[in-house]
Amino acid sequence: MIAPGDTLTSHNFGLQIDGVMVEYLQKVDGLSFQQDVIEFQQVSATGQPKTSKMPGVQKAGECTVVRGMTQSSAFTEWIQQSIAGNMAMARKNATILVMDTENNPVKRYNMRNAWCYKIDASSVEAGQASALTETVSITYEELVIE
């Protein structure tokens, strides 16, 4: 557990699909929440102009994850369902799970009705000794932070 006042570190996180941990990730980028802001103007009882702001409709979002090119069948199947256009199977509830230094989950970014819409494989080169990665772009309809 982290001590009061300590912050989380960015090196220990993974991806769950429908509640099952399927992949530890190298990088997550662009995970964000946005909603409309409604501005309402009216005249007060004393005749003074008054402006109020209220939350509006939540926007859908996108993020990008980088993972090592592995044999993770659950992640690969999720990507394949998206590519095939099988949206009944491709739309999943996915969670970016942040863990403390003892691998205890401490923060969750739950992406509702998420699916993969782009994949980029790292370049391969003869004689190069480096890990292969895949960059996967994910779109989602709702983000719930726990």
C-alpha atoms as a PDB file:
ATOM      1  CA  MET A   1       0.000   0.000   0.000  1.00  0.00           C
ATOM      2  CA  ILE A   2       1.126   3.510  -0.621  1.00  0.00           C
ATOM      3  CA  ALA A   3       1.628   5.726   2.395  1.00  0.00           C
ATOM      4  CA  PRO A   4      -0.536   8.821   2.904  1.00  0.00           C
ATOM      5  CA  GLY A   5       0.940  11.673   0.872  1.00  0.00           C
ATOM      6  CA  ASP A   6       2.782   9.374  -1.560  1.00  0.00           C
ATOM      7  CA  THR A   7       1.822   9.427  -5.200  1.00  0.00           C
ATOM      8  CA  LEU A   8       1.347   6.467  -7.507  1.00  0.00           C
ATOM      9  CA  THR A   9       4.157   5.524  -9.832  1.00  0.00           C
ATOM     10  CA  SER A  10       3.657   5.093 -13.552  1.00  0.00           C
ATOM     11  CA  HIS A  11       5.394   1.770 -14.064  1.00  0.00           C
ATOM     12  CA  ASN A  12       2.831  -0.784 -12.927  1.00  0.00           C
ATOM     13  CA  PHE A  13      -0.414  -1.038 -14.883  1.00  0.00           C
ATOM     14  CA  GLY A  14      -2.353  -3.373 -17.095  1.00  0.00           C
ATOM     15  CA  LEU A  15      -5.489  -3.955 -19.143  1.00  0.00           C
ATOM     16  CA  GLN A  16      -8.557  -5.931 -18.160  1.00  0.00           C
ATOM     17  CA  ILE A  17     -11.198  -6.942 -20.693  1.00  0.00           C
ATOM     18  CA  ASP A  18     -14.565  -7.824 -19.188  1.00  0.00           C
ATOM     19  CA  GLY A  19     -12.933  -8.116 -15.758  1.00  0.00           C
ATOM     20  CA  VAL A  20     -10.095 -10.469 -16.785  1.00  0.00           C
ATOM     21  CA  MET A  21      -6.479  -9.235 -16.761  1.00  0.00           C
ATOM     22  CA  VAL A  22      -5.228  -9.867 -20.278  1.00  0.00           C
ATOM     23  CA  GLU A  23      -2.139  -7.747 -20.693  1.00  0.00           C
ATOM     24  CA  TYR A  24       0.461  -5.701 -18.886  1.00  0.00           C
ATOM     25  CA  LEU A  25       1.209  -2.635 -20.947  1.00  0.00           C
ATOM     26  CA  GLN A  26       4.259  -0.588 -21.824  1.00  0.00           C
ATOM     27  CA  LYS A  27       2.417   2.698 -22.278  1.00  0.00           C
ATOM     28  CA  VAL A  28      -1.036   4.308 -22.121  1.00  0.00           C
ATOM     29  CA  ASP A  29      -1.588   7.657 -23.796  1.00  0.00           C
ATOM     30  CA  GLY A  30      -4.533   9.995 -24.333  1.00  0.00           C
ATOM     31  CA  LEU A  31      -6.887   8.521 -21.732  1.00  0.00           C
ATOM     32  CA  SER A  32      -9.231  11.405 -21.014  1.00  0.00           C
ATOM     33  CA  PHE A  33     -12.703  12.457 -19.944  1.00  0.00           C
ATOM     34  CA  GLN A  34     -14.593  15.360 -21.477  1.00  0.00           C
ATOM     35  CA  GLN A  35     -18.118  16.674 -21.298  1.00  0.00           C
ATOM     36  CA  ASP A  36     -19.978  19.664 -22.640  1.00  0.00           C
ATOM     37  CA  VAL A  37     -20.339  22.760 -20.484  1.00  0.00           C
ATOM     38  CA  ILE A  38     -23.728  24.446 -20.646  1.00  0.00           C
ATOM     39  CA  GLU A  39     -23.714  28.161 -19.989  1.00  0.00           C
ATOM     40  CA  PHE A  40     -27.035  29.578 -18.866  1.00  0.00           C
ATOM     41  CA  GLN A  41     -27.662  33.319 -18.663  1.00  0.00           C
ATOM     42  CA  GLN A  42     -30.597  35.002 -16.998  1.00  0.00           C
ATOM     43  CA  VAL A  43     -31.550  38.143 -15.154  1.00  0.00           C
ATOM     44  CA  SER A  44     -31.759  37.891 -11.358  1.00  0.00           C
ATOM     45  CA  ALA A  45     -34.687  39.118  -9.259  1.00  0.00           C
ATOM     46  CA  THR A  46     -32.755  42.361  -8.693  1.00  0.00           C
ATOM     47  CA  GLY A  47     -32.326  42.925 -12.429  1.00  0.00           C
ATOM     48  CA  GLN A  48     -28.637  41.921 -12.553  1.00  0.00           C
ATOM     49  CA  PRO A  49     -27.343  39.597 -15.276  1.00  0.00           C
ATOM     50  CA  LYS A  50     -26.290  36.221 -13.918  1.00  0.00           C
ATOM     51  CA  THR A  51     -24.348  33.452 -15.635  1.00  0.00           C
ATOM     52  CA  SER A  52     -24.381  29.845 -14.415  1.00  0.00           C
ATOM     53  CA  LYS A  53     -22.524  26.843 -15.786  1.00  0.00           C
ATOM     54  CA  MET A  54     -23.767  23.273 -15.642  1.00  0.00           C
ATOM     55  CA  PRO A  55     -22.373  19.942 -16.797  1.00  0.00           C
ATOM     56  CA  GLY A  56     -23.639  18.715 -20.142  1.00  0.00           C
ATOM     57  CA  VAL A  57     -23.365  15.518 -22.139  1.00  0.00           C
ATOM     58  CA  GLN A  58     -20.300  13.338 -21.642  1.00  0.00           C
ATOM     59  CA  LYS A  59     -18.204  12.830 -24.782  1.00  0.00           C
ATOM     60  CA  ALA A  60     -16.943   9.510 -26.050  1.00  0.00           C
ATOM     61  CA  GLY A  61     -13.161   9.124 -25.931  1.00  0.00           C
ATOM     62  CA  GLU A  62     -10.103   7.392 -27.256  1.00  0.00           C
ATOM     63  CA  CYS A  63      -6.774   6.205 -25.923  1.00  0.00           C
ATOM     64  CA  THR A  64      -3.702   4.447 -27.225  1.00  0.00           C
ATOM     65  CA  VAL A  65      -1.939   1.552 -25.533  1.00  0.00           C
ATOM     66  CA  VAL A  66       1.445   0.063 -26.352  1.00  0.00           C
ATOM     67  CA  ARG A  67       1.977  -3.575 -25.539  1.00  0.00           C
ATOM     68  CA  GLY A  68       4.729  -6.066 -26.126  1.00  0.00           C
ATOM     69  CA  MET A  69       3.969  -8.282 -29.099  1.00  0.00           C
ATOM     70  CA  THR A  70       2.928 -11.388 -27.180  1.00  0.00           C
ATOM     71  CA  GLN A  71       0.715 -14.408 -27.587  1.00  0.00           C
ATOM     72  CA  SER A  72      -2.105 -12.859 -25.532  1.00  0.00           C
ATOM     73  CA  SER A  73      -5.045 -14.608 -27.161  1.00  0.00           C
ATOM     74  CA  ALA A  74      -7.737 -12.521 -25.396  1.00  0.00           C
ATOM     75  CA  PHE A  75      -6.291  -9.197 -26.563  1.00  0.00           C
ATOM     76  CA  THR A  76      -5.614 -10.476 -30.077  1.00  0.00           C
ATOM     77  CA  GLU A  77      -9.155 -11.883 -30.334  1.00  0.00           C
ATOM     78  CA  TRP A  78     -10.570  -8.514 -29.235  1.00  0.00           C
ATOM     79  CA  ILE A  79      -8.574  -6.780 -31.969  1.00  0.00           C
ATOM     80  CA  GLN A  80      -9.692  -9.373 -34.549  1.00  0.00           C
ATOM     81  CA  GLN A  81     -13.384  -8.949 -33.653  1.00  0.00           C
ATOM     82  CA  SER A  82     -13.017  -5.185 -34.135  1.00  0.00           C
ATOM     83  CA  ILE A  83     -11.227  -5.547 -37.474  1.00  0.00           C
ATOM     84  CA  ALA A  84     -13.885  -7.994 -38.691  1.00  0.00           C
ATOM     85  CA  GLY A  85     -16.638  -5.519 -37.814  1.00  0.00           C
ATOM     86  CA  ASN A  86     -18.268  -7.986 -35.423  1.00  0.00           C
ATOM     87  CA  MET A  87     -19.377  -5.209 -33.081  1.00  0.00           C
ATOM     88  CA  ALA A  88     -21.589  -7.472 -30.961  1.00  0.00           C
ATOM     89  CA  MET A  89     -18.388  -9.240 -29.867  1.00  0.00           C
ATOM     90  CA  ALA A  90     -15.931  -6.346 -30.254  1.00  0.00           C
ATOM     91  CA  ARG A  91     -17.607  -3.901 -27.850  1.00  0.00           C
ATOM     92  CA  LYS A  92     -16.180  -4.804 -24.453  1.00  0.00           C
ATOM     93  CA  ASN A  93     -15.854  -3.179 -21.082  1.00  0.00           C
ATOM     94  CA  ALA A  94     -12.123  -2.584 -20.741  1.00  0.00           C
ATOM     95  CA  THR A  95     -10.232  -1.231 -17.762  1.00  0.00           C
ATOM     96  CA  ILE A  96      -6.824   0.379 -17.460  1.00  0.00           C
ATOM     97  CA  LEU A  97      -5.797  -0.795 -14.017  1.00  0.00           C
ATOM     98  CA  VAL A  98      -3.118   1.092 -12.057  1.00  0.00           C
ATOM     99  CA  MET A  99      -1.392  -0.851  -9.259  1.00  0.00           C
ATOM    100  CA  ASP A 100       0.787   0.123  -6.336  1.00  0.00           C
ATOM    101  CA  THR A 101       4.291  -1.244  -5.817  1.00  0.00           C
ATOM    102  CA  GLU A 102       2.855  -4.434  -4.286  1.00  0.00           C
ATOM    103  CA  ASN A 103       0.543  -5.084  -7.298  1.00  0.00           C
ATOM    104  CA  ASN A 104      -2.606  -4.053  -5.443  1.00  0.00           C
ATOM    105  CA  PRO A 105      -5.128  -2.315  -7.721  1.00  0.00           C
ATOM    106  CA  VAL A 106      -5.541   1.294  -6.598  1.00  0.00           C
ATOM    107  CA  LYS A 107      -7.143   3.112  -9.547  1.00  0.00           C
ATOM    108  CA  ARG A 108      -9.355   1.998 -12.405  1.00  0.00           C
ATOM    109  CA  TYR A 109     -10.219   3.720 -15.665  1.00  0.00           C
ATOM    110  CA  ASN A 110     -13.272   1.804 -16.890  1.00  0.00           C
ATOM    111  CA  MET A 111     -13.965   2.231 -20.599  1.00  0.00           C
ATOM    112  CA  ARG A 112     -17.529   1.170 -21.445  1.00  0.00           C
ATOM    113  CA  ASN A 113     -18.277  -0.292 -24.897  1.00  0.00           C
ATOM    114  CA  ALA A 114     -14.646  -0.070 -25.956  1.00  0.00           C
ATOM    115  CA  TRP A 115     -13.242  -1.480 -29.185  1.00  0.00           C
ATOM    116  CA  CYS A 116     -10.001  -1.322 -31.149  1.00  0.00           C
ATOM    117  CA  TYR A 117      -9.970   0.763 -34.300  1.00  0.00           C
ATOM    118  CA  LYS A 118      -6.287   0.912 -35.222  1.00  0.00           C
ATOM    119  CA  ILE A 119      -3.171  -1.181 -34.720  1.00  0.00           C
ATOM    120  CA  ASP A 120       0.429  -0.353 -35.598  1.00  0.00           C
ATOM    121  CA  ALA A 121       3.193  -2.931 -35.304  1.00  0.00           C
ATOM    122  CA  SER A 122       6.710  -1.761 -34.515  1.00  0.00           C
ATOM    123  CA  SER A 123       9.256  -1.947 -37.297  1.00  0.00           C
ATOM    124  CA  VAL A 124      11.365  -5.060 -37.595  1.00  0.00           C
ATOM    125  CA  GLU A 125      14.955  -5.020 -38.762  1.00  0.00           C
ATOM    126  CA  ALA A 126      17.452  -7.831 -39.278  1.00  0.00           C
ATOM    127  CA  GLY A 127      20.258  -7.697 -36.748  1.00  0.00           C
ATOM    128  CA  GLN A 128      18.372  -5.398 -34.389  1.00  0.00           C
ATOM    129  CA  ALA A 129      17.965  -6.609 -30.815  1.00  0.00           C
ATOM    130  CA  SER A 130      14.835  -4.915 -29.504  1.00  0.00           C
ATOM    131  CA  ALA A 131      11.412  -5.882 -28.259  1.00  0.00           C
ATOM    132  CA  LEU A 132       8.558  -5.866 -30.742  1.00  0.00           C
ATOM    133  CA  THR A 133       5.495  -3.836 -29.778  1.00  0.00           C
ATOM    134  CA  GLU A 134       2.006  -3.126 -31.011  1.00  0.00           C
ATOM    135  CA  THR A 135       0.333   0.246 -30.627  1.00  0.00           C
ATOM    136  CA  VAL A 136      -3.427  -0.214 -30.350  1.00  0.00           C
ATOM    137  CA  SER A 137      -5.919   2.659 -30.554  1.00  0.00           C
ATOM    138  CA  ILE A 138      -9.091   2.111 -28.541  1.00  0.00           C
ATOM    139  CA  THR A 139     -12.319   4.086 -28.710  1.00  0.00           C
ATOM    140  CA  TYR A 140     -14.934   4.011 -25.966  1.00  0.00           C
ATOM    141  CA  GLU A 141     -18.385   5.423 -25.327  1.00  0.00           C
ATOM    142  CA  GLU A 142     -18.010   6.241 -21.622  1.00  0.00           C
ATOM    143  CA  LEU A 143     -15.179   6.586 -19.114  1.00  0.00           C
ATOM    144  CA  VAL A 144     -15.827   5.878 -15.425  1.00  0.00           C
ATOM    145  CA  ILE A 145     -12.958   6.530 -13.005  1.00  0.00           C
ATOM    146  CA  GLU A 146     -12.831   4.606  -9.715  1.00  0.00           C
END
